[in-house]
Amino acid sequence: MHWFDLRTVPATPWKNGGGSTRELVSWPPGAGTQAFAWRVSVARIAAPGPFSAFPDVDRQIMLLDGDGVTLYGEQSELCHTLQQRWQPWSFAGELPLDCCLIGGPSTDFNLMVRRGHWHGGMQVVRDACTVGTTGAGLVMVLQGQWAVLGNGMAQLLQPGQGLWWPAPIGPCVLQPLQPLGPEAAHPHPFAPDARPALVWVDVRSGDI
């Protein structure tokens, strides 16, 4: 298990100046943006512009915070409106997309997997779950506090904190903790309410 805190992950500015990316994991280490097997990141979109092309990569994107964006295809047709938080959308990495802001800057959560070699998905979880038994993966708390139990671990995760693992590690239980008072129940900017929630990415080798 590898632990991370989004607040301490360095942001890499985009070459076009339209935003920045915080890379949570890129596997294998040192593979770079063109040779990774799977990659998870959080991006800040601050200006309109084209999405980078990733041929032979399957992508999923989910709005975390902000007003959202509209995505247009090569012929300027509307492909998707990313405006509802925590609703994953899948698309091919080679699809030409232009991005327009609906309002102010937005923050999104991204998963990319190498097509034909890896497949994966993301889901928002509100109840206790067991991870680490089927493949690689990542969890990040969106709202509330979550206890991590298993594999000799006993840890508490706060919003923006999470864990990732490159291969099956054995069962690890994540248990949401209910708020104890008004201070603990105050919604995090990522969340529309105070109910505990996390995003779980499950990644497995091999084609579907």
N, C-alpha and C. Protein backbone atom coordinates (compact mmCIF):
# COMPACT_ATOMS: atom_id res chain seq x y z
N MET A 1 0.83 -1.20 0.00
CA MET A 1 0.00 0.00 0.00
C MET A 1 0.87 1.25 0.00
N HIS A 2 0.53 2.19 -0.86
CA HIS A 2 1.22 3.47 -0.91
C HIS A 2 0.23 4.56 -0.54
N TRP A 3 0.60 5.41 0.42
CA TRP A 3 -0.28 6.46 0.92
C TRP A 3 0.02 7.77 0.19
N PHE A 4 -1.01 8.61 -0.02
CA PHE A 4 -0.80 9.94 -0.59
C PHE A 4 -1.78 10.94 0.00
N ASP A 5 -1.42 12.20 -0.11
CA ASP A 5 -2.28 13.31 0.30
C ASP A 5 -2.28 14.31 -0.85
N LEU A 6 -3.43 14.53 -1.45
CA LEU A 6 -3.54 15.39 -2.63
C LEU A 6 -2.95 16.77 -2.38
N ARG A 7 -3.04 17.27 -1.17
CA ARG A 7 -2.56 18.62 -0.85
C ARG A 7 -1.04 18.74 -0.99
N THR A 8 -0.33 17.62 -0.87
CA THR A 8 1.13 17.67 -0.94
C THR A 8 1.68 17.15 -2.27
N VAL A 9 0.78 16.70 -3.16
CA VAL A 9 1.23 16.23 -4.48
C VAL A 9 1.51 17.45 -5.36
N PRO A 10 2.72 17.58 -5.92
CA PRO A 10 3.04 18.77 -6.72
C PRO A 10 2.20 18.86 -7.98
N ALA A 11 1.82 20.08 -8.34
CA ALA A 11 1.04 20.33 -9.55
C ALA A 11 1.99 20.66 -10.70
N THR A 12 1.81 19.98 -11.83
CA THR A 12 2.62 20.23 -13.03
C THR A 12 1.80 21.08 -14.00
N PRO A 13 2.24 22.31 -14.30
CA PRO A 13 1.48 23.16 -15.24
C PRO A 13 1.47 22.56 -16.64
N TRP A 14 0.36 22.74 -17.35
CA TRP A 14 0.26 22.30 -18.74
C TRP A 14 1.07 23.24 -19.63
N LYS A 15 1.57 22.70 -20.73
CA LYS A 15 2.35 23.51 -21.66
C LYS A 15 1.54 24.65 -22.27
N ASN A 16 0.22 24.42 -22.43
CA ASN A 16 -0.61 25.47 -23.03
C ASN A 16 -1.10 26.50 -22.02
N GLY A 17 -0.73 26.32 -20.75
CA GLY A 17 -1.10 27.28 -19.72
C GLY A 17 -2.54 27.21 -19.26
N GLY A 18 -3.27 26.19 -19.72
CA GLY A 18 -4.70 26.12 -19.42
C GLY A 18 -5.05 25.41 -18.13
N GLY A 19 -4.05 24.88 -17.43
CA GLY A 19 -4.35 24.18 -16.20
C GLY A 19 -3.13 23.48 -15.64
N SER A 20 -3.35 22.51 -14.79
CA SER A 20 -2.25 21.77 -14.17
C SER A 20 -2.74 20.38 -13.78
N THR A 21 -1.79 19.47 -13.55
CA THR A 21 -2.12 18.09 -13.20
C THR A 21 -1.34 17.66 -11.97
N ARG A 22 -2.02 16.98 -11.06
CA ARG A 22 -1.37 16.34 -9.92
C ARG A 22 -1.44 14.83 -10.16
N GLU A 23 -0.32 14.22 -10.43
CA GLU A 23 -0.26 12.79 -10.73
C GLU A 23 -0.22 11.99 -9.44
N LEU A 24 -1.23 11.15 -9.23
CA LEU A 24 -1.29 10.33 -8.02
C LEU A 24 -0.50 9.04 -8.20
N VAL A 25 -0.59 8.44 -9.38
CA VAL A 25 0.21 7.24 -9.66
C VAL A 25 0.31 7.07 -11.17
N SER A 26 1.47 6.65 -11.64
CA SER A 26 1.70 6.26 -13.03
C SER A 26 2.51 4.98 -13.00
N TRP A 27 1.92 3.91 -13.55
CA TRP A 27 2.54 2.59 -13.46
C TRP A 27 2.91 2.08 -14.84
N PRO A 28 4.12 1.54 -14.99
CA PRO A 28 5.18 1.39 -13.99
C PRO A 28 5.91 2.71 -13.73
N PRO A 29 6.61 2.82 -12.61
CA PRO A 29 7.33 4.06 -12.29
C PRO A 29 8.32 4.43 -13.39
N GLY A 30 8.36 5.71 -13.72
CA GLY A 30 9.30 6.20 -14.71
C GLY A 30 8.88 5.98 -16.14
N ALA A 31 7.66 5.46 -16.37
CA ALA A 31 7.23 5.16 -17.74
C ALA A 31 6.94 6.43 -18.54
N GLY A 32 6.59 7.51 -17.87
CA GLY A 32 6.27 8.75 -18.58
C GLY A 32 4.85 8.72 -19.13
N THR A 33 4.44 9.83 -19.72
CA THR A 33 3.06 9.98 -20.18
C THR A 33 2.75 9.19 -21.45
N GLN A 34 3.77 8.69 -22.14
CA GLN A 34 3.53 7.96 -23.38
C GLN A 34 3.66 6.45 -23.24
N ALA A 35 4.17 5.96 -22.12
CA ALA A 35 4.44 4.53 -21.99
C ALA A 35 3.83 3.90 -20.73
N PHE A 36 2.98 4.63 -20.00
CA PHE A 36 2.40 4.07 -18.79
C PHE A 36 1.43 2.92 -19.13
N ALA A 37 1.25 2.01 -18.17
CA ALA A 37 0.25 0.97 -18.29
C ALA A 37 -1.10 1.49 -17.76
N TRP A 38 -1.05 2.17 -16.62
CA TRP A 38 -2.24 2.84 -16.10
C TRP A 38 -1.81 4.05 -15.28
N ARG A 39 -2.69 5.02 -15.21
CA ARG A 39 -2.34 6.31 -14.60
C ARG A 39 -3.58 6.93 -13.98
N VAL A 40 -3.43 7.51 -12.79
CA VAL A 40 -4.52 8.22 -12.12
C VAL A 40 -4.01 9.61 -11.74
N SER A 41 -4.82 10.63 -12.00
CA SER A 41 -4.40 12.00 -11.72
C SER A 41 -5.61 12.86 -11.39
N VAL A 42 -5.33 14.02 -10.83
CA VAL A 42 -6.34 15.06 -10.59
C VAL A 42 -5.88 16.30 -11.34
N ALA A 43 -6.77 16.85 -12.17
CA ALA A 43 -6.41 17.99 -13.02
C ALA A 43 -7.25 19.21 -12.67
N ARG A 44 -6.63 20.36 -12.79
CA ARG A 44 -7.32 21.64 -12.62
C ARG A 44 -7.43 22.29 -13.99
N ILE A 45 -8.66 22.46 -14.48
CA ILE A 45 -8.89 23.09 -15.79
C ILE A 45 -9.24 24.55 -15.56
N ALA A 46 -8.37 25.45 -16.00
CA ALA A 46 -8.55 26.87 -15.73
C ALA A 46 -8.88 27.70 -16.96
N ALA A 47 -8.73 27.11 -18.16
CA ALA A 47 -8.96 27.85 -19.40
C ALA A 47 -9.41 26.88 -20.48
N PRO A 48 -10.15 27.35 -21.49
CA PRO A 48 -10.57 26.47 -22.58
C PRO A 48 -9.38 26.04 -23.42
N GLY A 49 -9.53 24.89 -24.09
CA GLY A 49 -8.46 24.40 -24.94
C GLY A 49 -8.64 22.93 -25.25
N PRO A 50 -7.80 22.38 -26.13
CA PRO A 50 -7.93 20.97 -26.51
C PRO A 50 -7.39 20.03 -25.44
N PHE A 51 -7.99 18.84 -25.35
CA PHE A 51 -7.45 17.78 -24.52
C PHE A 51 -6.25 17.15 -25.22
N SER A 52 -5.25 16.74 -24.46
CA SER A 52 -4.11 16.03 -25.04
C SER A 52 -4.56 14.67 -25.56
N ALA A 53 -3.98 14.26 -26.69
CA ALA A 53 -4.32 12.98 -27.30
C ALA A 53 -3.49 11.86 -26.68
N PHE A 54 -4.14 10.74 -26.38
CA PHE A 54 -3.47 9.55 -25.86
C PHE A 54 -3.94 8.35 -26.68
N PRO A 55 -3.31 8.08 -27.82
CA PRO A 55 -3.72 6.95 -28.66
C PRO A 55 -3.62 5.62 -27.91
N ASP A 56 -4.57 4.73 -28.19
CA ASP A 56 -4.59 3.38 -27.61
C ASP A 56 -4.74 3.40 -26.09
N VAL A 57 -5.36 4.45 -25.58
CA VAL A 57 -5.60 4.56 -24.14
C VAL A 57 -7.09 4.77 -23.91
N ASP A 58 -7.66 4.03 -22.98
CA ASP A 58 -9.05 4.23 -22.57
C ASP A 58 -9.07 5.16 -21.36
N ARG A 59 -9.93 6.17 -21.42
CA ARG A 59 -9.95 7.19 -20.39
C ARG A 59 -11.30 7.24 -19.69
N GLN A 60 -11.28 7.64 -18.42
CA GLN A 60 -12.48 7.99 -17.67
C GLN A 60 -12.20 9.27 -16.91
N ILE A 61 -13.21 10.13 -16.87
CA ILE A 61 -13.05 11.42 -16.21
C ILE A 61 -14.27 11.68 -15.33
N MET A 62 -14.05 12.36 -14.20
CA MET A 62 -15.14 12.62 -13.26
C MET A 62 -14.93 13.99 -12.63
N LEU A 63 -15.95 14.81 -12.62
CA LEU A 63 -15.86 16.14 -12.02
C LEU A 63 -15.81 16.04 -10.50
N LEU A 64 -14.84 16.72 -9.90
CA LEU A 64 -14.73 16.80 -8.44
C LEU A 64 -15.25 18.11 -7.90
N ASP A 65 -14.94 19.21 -8.58
CA ASP A 65 -15.25 20.52 -8.02
C ASP A 65 -15.33 21.54 -9.15
N GLY A 66 -16.11 22.58 -8.96
CA GLY A 66 -16.21 23.64 -9.95
C GLY A 66 -17.48 23.56 -10.77
N ASP A 67 -17.59 24.48 -11.74
CA ASP A 67 -18.80 24.60 -12.56
C ASP A 67 -18.88 23.56 -13.67
N GLY A 68 -17.76 22.91 -13.98
CA GLY A 68 -17.77 21.90 -15.02
C GLY A 68 -17.34 22.43 -16.37
N VAL A 69 -17.31 21.53 -17.36
CA VAL A 69 -16.87 21.87 -18.72
C VAL A 69 -17.76 21.17 -19.74
N THR A 70 -17.78 21.70 -20.95
CA THR A 70 -18.40 21.03 -22.08
C THR A 70 -17.29 20.55 -23.01
N LEU A 71 -17.47 19.36 -23.58
CA LEU A 71 -16.46 18.75 -24.44
C LEU A 71 -17.03 18.58 -25.84
N TYR A 72 -16.28 19.08 -26.83
CA TYR A 72 -16.72 19.06 -28.22
C TYR A 72 -15.77 18.22 -29.06
N GLY A 73 -16.33 17.53 -30.05
CA GLY A 73 -15.56 16.68 -30.93
C GLY A 73 -14.94 17.44 -32.09
N GLU A 74 -14.41 16.67 -33.06
CA GLU A 74 -13.65 17.24 -34.17
C GLU A 74 -14.49 18.15 -35.05
N GLN A 75 -15.77 17.84 -35.20
CA GLN A 75 -16.67 18.65 -36.02
C GLN A 75 -17.49 19.63 -35.17
N SER A 76 -16.97 19.94 -34.00
CA SER A 76 -17.60 20.89 -33.07
C SER A 76 -18.93 20.39 -32.52
N GLU A 77 -19.19 19.08 -32.63
CA GLU A 77 -20.41 18.54 -32.05
C GLU A 77 -20.21 18.32 -30.56
N LEU A 78 -21.28 18.52 -29.80
CA LEU A 78 -21.22 18.33 -28.36
C LEU A 78 -21.10 16.84 -28.05
N CYS A 79 -20.03 16.47 -27.34
CA CYS A 79 -19.83 15.07 -26.95
C CYS A 79 -20.32 14.80 -25.53
N HIS A 80 -20.07 15.75 -24.63
CA HIS A 80 -20.44 15.50 -23.24
C HIS A 80 -20.39 16.81 -22.46
N THR A 81 -21.28 16.92 -21.48
CA THR A 81 -21.23 18.02 -20.53
C THR A 81 -20.85 17.45 -19.17
N LEU A 82 -19.67 17.81 -18.70
CA LEU A 82 -19.16 17.32 -17.41
C LEU A 82 -19.53 18.36 -16.36
N GLN A 83 -20.72 18.20 -15.79
CA GLN A 83 -21.23 19.22 -14.87
C GLN A 83 -21.72 18.64 -13.55
N GLN A 84 -22.10 17.37 -13.55
CA GLN A 84 -22.54 16.72 -12.32
C GLN A 84 -21.36 16.06 -11.63
N ARG A 85 -21.14 16.38 -10.38
CA ARG A 85 -20.02 15.81 -9.64
C ARG A 85 -20.19 14.29 -9.48
N TRP A 86 -19.04 13.64 -9.50
CA TRP A 86 -18.96 12.21 -9.18
C TRP A 86 -19.69 11.33 -10.18
N GLN A 87 -19.78 11.77 -11.44
CA GLN A 87 -20.41 10.96 -12.48
C GLN A 87 -19.36 10.64 -13.54
N PRO A 88 -18.72 9.44 -13.50
CA PRO A 88 -17.65 9.11 -14.45
C PRO A 88 -18.16 9.07 -15.90
N TRP A 89 -17.30 9.50 -16.82
CA TRP A 89 -17.58 9.44 -18.25
C TRP A 89 -16.39 8.81 -18.95
N SER A 90 -16.65 7.85 -19.83
CA SER A 90 -15.59 7.10 -20.52
C SER A 90 -15.46 7.56 -21.96
N PHE A 91 -14.21 7.60 -22.47
CA PHE A 91 -13.99 7.95 -23.86
C PHE A 91 -12.61 7.45 -24.29
N ALA A 92 -12.41 7.38 -25.59
CA ALA A 92 -11.13 6.93 -26.15
C ALA A 92 -10.11 8.06 -26.10
N GLY A 93 -8.89 7.74 -25.70
CA GLY A 93 -7.87 8.76 -25.55
C GLY A 93 -7.46 9.45 -26.83
N GLU A 94 -7.69 8.79 -27.99
CA GLU A 94 -7.33 9.40 -29.27
C GLU A 94 -8.44 10.30 -29.82
N LEU A 95 -9.60 10.33 -29.14
CA LEU A 95 -10.72 11.15 -29.61
C LEU A 95 -10.36 12.63 -29.48
N PRO A 96 -10.40 13.38 -30.61
CA PRO A 96 -10.09 14.82 -30.53
C PRO A 96 -11.19 15.56 -29.75
N LEU A 97 -10.82 16.20 -28.67
CA LEU A 97 -11.79 16.91 -27.84
C LEU A 97 -11.31 18.31 -27.53
N ASP A 98 -12.23 19.27 -27.66
CA ASP A 98 -11.98 20.62 -27.20
C ASP A 98 -12.82 20.87 -25.96
N CYS A 99 -12.26 21.58 -25.01
CA CYS A 99 -12.89 21.80 -23.72
C CYS A 99 -13.24 23.28 -23.55
N CYS A 100 -14.48 23.54 -23.12
CA CYS A 100 -14.91 24.91 -22.82
C CYS A 100 -15.44 24.96 -21.38
N LEU A 101 -15.04 25.98 -20.65
CA LEU A 101 -15.51 26.13 -19.27
C LEU A 101 -16.97 26.57 -19.25
N ILE A 102 -17.74 25.97 -18.35
CA ILE A 102 -19.13 26.40 -18.16
C ILE A 102 -19.17 27.67 -17.31
N GLY A 103 -18.26 27.78 -16.37
CA GLY A 103 -18.15 28.96 -15.51
C GLY A 103 -16.70 29.19 -15.16
N GLY A 104 -16.39 29.03 -13.87
CA GLY A 104 -15.01 29.17 -13.43
C GLY A 104 -14.22 27.89 -13.60
N PRO A 105 -13.00 27.86 -13.07
CA PRO A 105 -12.15 26.66 -13.16
C PRO A 105 -12.81 25.44 -12.52
N SER A 106 -12.43 24.27 -13.00
CA SER A 106 -12.97 23.01 -12.50
C SER A 106 -11.84 22.04 -12.17
N THR A 107 -12.12 21.13 -11.25
CA THR A 107 -11.18 20.08 -10.88
C THR A 107 -11.78 18.74 -11.25
N ASP A 108 -10.99 17.88 -11.92
CA ASP A 108 -11.51 16.57 -12.30
C ASP A 108 -10.54 15.46 -11.91
N PHE A 109 -11.09 14.27 -11.82
CA PHE A 109 -10.37 13.05 -11.45
C PHE A 109 -10.27 12.19 -12.71
N ASN A 110 -9.07 11.67 -13.00
CA ASN A 110 -8.83 11.00 -14.27
C ASN A 110 -8.21 9.62 -14.10
N LEU A 111 -8.71 8.67 -14.90
CA LEU A 111 -8.11 7.34 -15.00
C LEU A 111 -7.79 7.06 -16.46
N MET A 112 -6.57 6.56 -16.72
CA MET A 112 -6.17 6.17 -18.07
C MET A 112 -5.54 4.78 -18.01
N VAL A 113 -5.95 3.89 -18.92
CA VAL A 113 -5.39 2.53 -18.97
C VAL A 113 -5.01 2.21 -20.42
N ARG A 114 -3.93 1.45 -20.58
CA ARG A 114 -3.44 1.06 -21.91
C ARG A 114 -4.37 0.00 -22.50
N ARG A 115 -5.05 0.36 -23.59
CA ARG A 115 -6.04 -0.52 -24.20
C ARG A 115 -5.41 -1.83 -24.69
N GLY A 116 -6.10 -2.94 -24.43
CA GLY A 116 -5.62 -4.24 -24.86
C GLY A 116 -4.67 -4.90 -23.88
N HIS A 117 -4.17 -4.12 -22.93
CA HIS A 117 -3.25 -4.66 -21.92
C HIS A 117 -3.82 -4.53 -20.51
N TRP A 118 -4.60 -3.46 -20.30
CA TRP A 118 -5.20 -3.22 -18.99
C TRP A 118 -6.64 -2.74 -19.19
N HIS A 119 -7.47 -2.98 -18.21
CA HIS A 119 -8.79 -2.38 -18.20
C HIS A 119 -9.12 -2.00 -16.76
N GLY A 120 -10.00 -1.02 -16.62
CA GLY A 120 -10.29 -0.54 -15.28
C GLY A 120 -11.51 0.34 -15.25
N GLY A 121 -11.92 0.70 -14.07
CA GLY A 121 -13.07 1.56 -13.89
C GLY A 121 -13.00 2.28 -12.57
N MET A 122 -13.87 3.27 -12.42
CA MET A 122 -13.96 4.02 -11.16
C MET A 122 -15.40 4.06 -10.72
N GLN A 123 -15.59 4.10 -9.42
CA GLN A 123 -16.93 4.22 -8.85
C GLN A 123 -16.85 4.98 -7.54
N VAL A 124 -17.93 5.68 -7.22
CA VAL A 124 -18.03 6.39 -5.95
C VAL A 124 -18.72 5.47 -4.96
N VAL A 125 -18.09 5.28 -3.79
CA VAL A 125 -18.56 4.34 -2.77
C VAL A 125 -18.92 5.12 -1.51
N ARG A 126 -20.05 4.75 -0.90
CA ARG A 126 -20.48 5.40 0.34
C ARG A 126 -20.54 4.43 1.51
N ASP A 127 -20.49 3.13 1.22
CA ASP A 127 -20.57 2.13 2.27
C ASP A 127 -19.24 1.40 2.40
N ALA A 128 -19.10 0.60 3.46
CA ALA A 128 -17.88 -0.17 3.67
C ALA A 128 -17.60 -1.06 2.47
N CYS A 129 -16.32 -1.18 2.11
CA CYS A 129 -15.94 -1.99 0.96
C CYS A 129 -14.61 -2.67 1.25
N THR A 130 -14.34 -3.74 0.50
CA THR A 130 -13.09 -4.48 0.62
C THR A 130 -12.32 -4.34 -0.69
N VAL A 131 -11.09 -3.86 -0.62
CA VAL A 131 -10.28 -3.64 -1.81
C VAL A 131 -8.99 -4.46 -1.70
N GLY A 132 -8.25 -4.50 -2.82
CA GLY A 132 -6.92 -5.12 -2.81
C GLY A 132 -6.88 -6.59 -3.12
N THR A 133 -8.02 -7.19 -3.50
CA THR A 133 -8.04 -8.64 -3.70
C THR A 133 -7.99 -9.06 -5.17
N THR A 134 -8.28 -8.14 -6.10
CA THR A 134 -8.45 -8.55 -7.50
C THR A 134 -7.39 -8.02 -8.45
N GLY A 135 -6.74 -6.95 -8.13
CA GLY A 135 -5.76 -6.37 -9.04
C GLY A 135 -5.14 -5.14 -8.44
N ALA A 136 -4.68 -4.24 -9.32
CA ALA A 136 -4.15 -2.96 -8.87
C ALA A 136 -5.30 -2.01 -8.58
N GLY A 137 -5.01 -0.87 -7.96
CA GLY A 137 -6.08 0.07 -7.71
C GLY A 137 -5.69 1.25 -6.87
N LEU A 138 -6.69 2.08 -6.59
CA LEU A 138 -6.49 3.32 -5.84
C LEU A 138 -7.81 3.72 -5.21
N VAL A 139 -7.73 4.29 -4.01
CA VAL A 139 -8.89 4.91 -3.39
C VAL A 139 -8.49 6.30 -2.92
N MET A 140 -9.43 7.25 -3.03
CA MET A 140 -9.22 8.60 -2.51
C MET A 140 -10.50 9.06 -1.86
N VAL A 141 -10.38 9.57 -0.64
CA VAL A 141 -11.55 10.04 0.10
C VAL A 141 -12.05 11.35 -0.51
N LEU A 142 -13.35 11.40 -0.78
CA LEU A 142 -13.98 12.61 -1.27
C LEU A 142 -14.62 13.41 -0.15
N GLN A 143 -15.17 12.69 0.82
CA GLN A 143 -15.90 13.34 1.90
C GLN A 143 -15.92 12.46 3.14
N GLY A 144 -15.81 13.08 4.32
CA GLY A 144 -15.88 12.34 5.57
C GLY A 144 -14.55 11.71 5.94
N GLN A 145 -14.60 10.82 6.92
CA GLN A 145 -13.43 10.09 7.39
C GLN A 145 -13.64 8.60 7.15
N TRP A 146 -12.55 7.93 6.76
CA TRP A 146 -12.62 6.49 6.47
C TRP A 146 -11.50 5.77 7.20
N ALA A 147 -11.87 4.68 7.88
CA ALA A 147 -10.88 3.83 8.55
C ALA A 147 -10.42 2.75 7.59
N VAL A 148 -9.11 2.50 7.56
CA VAL A 148 -8.51 1.45 6.75
C VAL A 148 -8.05 0.34 7.67
N LEU A 149 -8.56 -0.88 7.46
CA LEU A 149 -8.26 -2.00 8.33
C LEU A 149 -7.88 -3.22 7.49
N GLY A 150 -6.78 -3.87 7.87
CA GLY A 150 -6.37 -5.08 7.17
C GLY A 150 -4.92 -5.03 6.78
N ASN A 151 -4.32 -6.20 6.53
CA ASN A 151 -2.92 -6.29 6.16
C ASN A 151 -2.01 -5.59 7.17
N GLY A 152 -2.39 -5.70 8.44
CA GLY A 152 -1.58 -5.08 9.48
C GLY A 152 -1.73 -3.57 9.55
N MET A 153 -2.74 -3.01 8.84
CA MET A 153 -2.92 -1.56 8.80
C MET A 153 -4.10 -1.15 9.67
N ALA A 154 -3.99 -0.01 10.31
CA ALA A 154 -5.08 0.64 11.01
C ALA A 154 -4.84 2.14 10.84
N GLN A 155 -5.52 2.71 9.87
CA GLN A 155 -5.22 4.09 9.48
C GLN A 155 -6.52 4.84 9.23
N LEU A 156 -6.47 6.16 9.41
CA LEU A 156 -7.63 7.01 9.17
C LEU A 156 -7.32 7.93 7.99
N LEU A 157 -8.24 7.97 7.02
CA LEU A 157 -8.06 8.80 5.84
C LEU A 157 -9.04 9.96 5.87
N GLN A 158 -8.54 11.16 5.54
CA GLN A 158 -9.33 12.38 5.47
C GLN A 158 -9.57 12.73 4.00
N PRO A 159 -10.47 13.70 3.71
CA PRO A 159 -10.70 14.10 2.32
C PRO A 159 -9.40 14.49 1.61
N GLY A 160 -9.24 13.97 0.39
CA GLY A 160 -8.04 14.24 -0.39
C GLY A 160 -6.92 13.25 -0.13
N GLN A 161 -7.06 12.41 0.88
CA GLN A 161 -6.05 11.40 1.17
C GLN A 161 -6.49 10.04 0.60
N GLY A 162 -5.51 9.18 0.33
CA GLY A 162 -5.86 7.88 -0.22
C GLY A 162 -4.70 6.92 -0.24
N LEU A 163 -4.95 5.78 -0.87
CA LEU A 163 -3.98 4.70 -0.99
C LEU A 163 -4.00 4.15 -2.41
N TRP A 164 -2.86 3.61 -2.86
CA TRP A 164 -2.85 2.89 -4.12
C TRP A 164 -1.95 1.67 -3.99
N TRP A 165 -2.19 0.67 -4.85
CA TRP A 165 -1.44 -0.58 -4.79
C TRP A 165 -1.26 -1.10 -6.22
N PRO A 166 -0.09 -1.63 -6.58
CA PRO A 166 0.21 -2.04 -7.95
C PRO A 166 -0.19 -3.46 -8.30
N ALA A 167 -0.62 -4.26 -7.30
CA ALA A 167 -0.97 -5.66 -7.51
C ALA A 167 -1.83 -6.10 -6.33
N PRO A 168 -2.51 -7.26 -6.42
CA PRO A 168 -3.30 -7.74 -5.29
C PRO A 168 -2.47 -7.84 -4.02
N ILE A 169 -3.03 -7.36 -2.91
CA ILE A 169 -2.30 -7.33 -1.65
C ILE A 169 -3.03 -8.07 -0.54
N GLY A 170 -4.19 -8.62 -0.86
CA GLY A 170 -5.01 -9.23 0.18
C GLY A 170 -6.08 -8.27 0.63
N PRO A 171 -7.12 -8.76 1.29
CA PRO A 171 -8.27 -7.92 1.65
C PRO A 171 -7.92 -6.78 2.58
N CYS A 172 -8.43 -5.61 2.23
CA CYS A 172 -8.27 -4.40 3.05
C CYS A 172 -9.63 -3.72 3.11
N VAL A 173 -10.16 -3.54 4.30
CA VAL A 173 -11.50 -3.00 4.49
C VAL A 173 -11.44 -1.49 4.71
N LEU A 174 -12.31 -0.77 4.00
CA LEU A 174 -12.46 0.67 4.21
C LEU A 174 -13.84 0.90 4.80
N GLN A 175 -13.86 1.52 5.98
CA GLN A 175 -15.10 1.70 6.73
C GLN A 175 -15.37 3.19 6.92
N PRO A 176 -16.52 3.70 6.44
CA PRO A 176 -16.84 5.11 6.66
C PRO A 176 -17.19 5.37 8.12
N LEU A 177 -16.75 6.50 8.64
CA LEU A 177 -17.06 6.90 10.01
C LEU A 177 -18.08 8.04 9.96
N GLN A 178 -19.13 7.91 10.71
CA GLN A 178 -20.17 8.92 10.71
C GLN A 178 -19.71 10.16 11.47
N PRO A 179 -20.08 11.37 10.99
CA PRO A 179 -19.69 12.60 11.69
C PRO A 179 -20.18 12.61 13.14
N LEU A 180 -19.35 13.13 14.04
CA LEU A 180 -19.69 13.18 15.46
C LEU A 180 -20.29 14.52 15.87
N GLY A 181 -20.11 15.53 15.04
CA GLY A 181 -20.62 16.84 15.40
C GLY A 181 -20.65 17.77 14.21
N PRO A 182 -21.13 19.01 14.38
CA PRO A 182 -21.24 19.95 13.27
C PRO A 182 -19.91 20.21 12.57
N GLU A 183 -18.80 20.24 13.32
CA GLU A 183 -17.51 20.52 12.70
C GLU A 183 -17.12 19.40 11.73
N ALA A 184 -17.29 18.15 12.16
CA ALA A 184 -16.93 17.01 11.32
C ALA A 184 -17.86 16.88 10.13
N ALA A 185 -19.08 17.39 10.26
CA ALA A 185 -20.07 17.24 9.20
C ALA A 185 -19.97 18.33 8.14
N HIS A 186 -19.10 19.31 8.34
CA HIS A 186 -18.99 20.40 7.36
C HIS A 186 -18.54 19.85 6.01
N PRO A 187 -19.29 20.10 4.94
CA PRO A 187 -18.95 19.51 3.64
C PRO A 187 -17.59 19.96 3.12
N HIS A 188 -16.86 19.02 2.54
CA HIS A 188 -15.61 19.32 1.86
C HIS A 188 -15.96 19.93 0.49
N PRO A 189 -15.10 20.79 -0.09
CA PRO A 189 -15.42 21.38 -1.39
C PRO A 189 -15.71 20.37 -2.49
N PHE A 190 -15.16 19.14 -2.38
CA PHE A 190 -15.42 18.14 -3.40
C PHE A 190 -16.84 17.59 -3.32
N ALA A 191 -17.51 17.75 -2.18
CA ALA A 191 -18.73 17.00 -1.92
C ALA A 191 -19.97 17.89 -1.88
N PRO A 192 -21.11 17.39 -2.37
CA PRO A 192 -22.35 18.17 -2.30
C PRO A 192 -23.04 18.06 -0.95
N ASP A 193 -22.62 17.15 -0.08
CA ASP A 193 -23.22 17.00 1.24
C ASP A 193 -22.16 16.41 2.18
N ALA A 194 -22.58 16.09 3.39
CA ALA A 194 -21.62 15.65 4.40
C ALA A 194 -21.52 14.13 4.53
N ARG A 195 -22.21 13.38 3.69
CA ARG A 195 -22.14 11.92 3.79
C ARG A 195 -20.77 11.41 3.35
N PRO A 196 -20.19 10.45 4.06
CA PRO A 196 -18.88 9.91 3.66
C PRO A 196 -18.93 9.35 2.24
N ALA A 197 -17.86 9.57 1.50
CA ALA A 197 -17.78 9.06 0.13
C ALA A 197 -16.31 8.97 -0.27
N LEU A 198 -16.00 7.99 -1.10
CA LEU A 198 -14.66 7.89 -1.68
C LEU A 198 -14.78 7.40 -3.12
N VAL A 199 -13.74 7.64 -3.90
CA VAL A 199 -13.68 7.10 -5.25
C VAL A 199 -12.72 5.91 -5.25
N TRP A 200 -13.17 4.82 -5.85
CA TRP A 200 -12.41 3.57 -5.90
C TRP A 200 -12.10 3.25 -7.36
N VAL A 201 -10.83 3.15 -7.67
CA VAL A 201 -10.36 2.76 -9.00
C VAL A 201 -9.88 1.32 -8.94
N ASP A 202 -10.43 0.47 -9.81
CA ASP A 202 -10.05 -0.94 -9.87
C ASP A 202 -9.41 -1.19 -11.24
N VAL A 203 -8.15 -1.64 -11.26
CA VAL A 203 -7.41 -1.82 -12.51
C VAL A 203 -6.90 -3.26 -12.57
N ARG A 204 -7.07 -3.90 -13.75
CA ARG A 204 -6.63 -5.29 -13.91
C ARG A 204 -5.91 -5.46 -15.24
N SER A 205 -4.94 -6.33 -15.26
CA SER A 205 -4.19 -6.57 -16.49
C SER A 205 -4.98 -7.50 -17.39
N GLY A 206 -4.72 -7.41 -18.72
CA GLY A 206 -5.40 -8.24 -19.69
C GLY A 206 -6.57 -7.52 -20.32
N ASP A 207 -6.94 -7.95 -21.50
CA ASP A 207 -8.08 -7.35 -22.20
C ASP A 207 -9.37 -7.82 -21.56
N ILE A 208 -10.45 -7.09 -21.82
CA ILE A 208 -11.77 -7.44 -21.26
C ILE A 208 -12.27 -8.73 -21.90
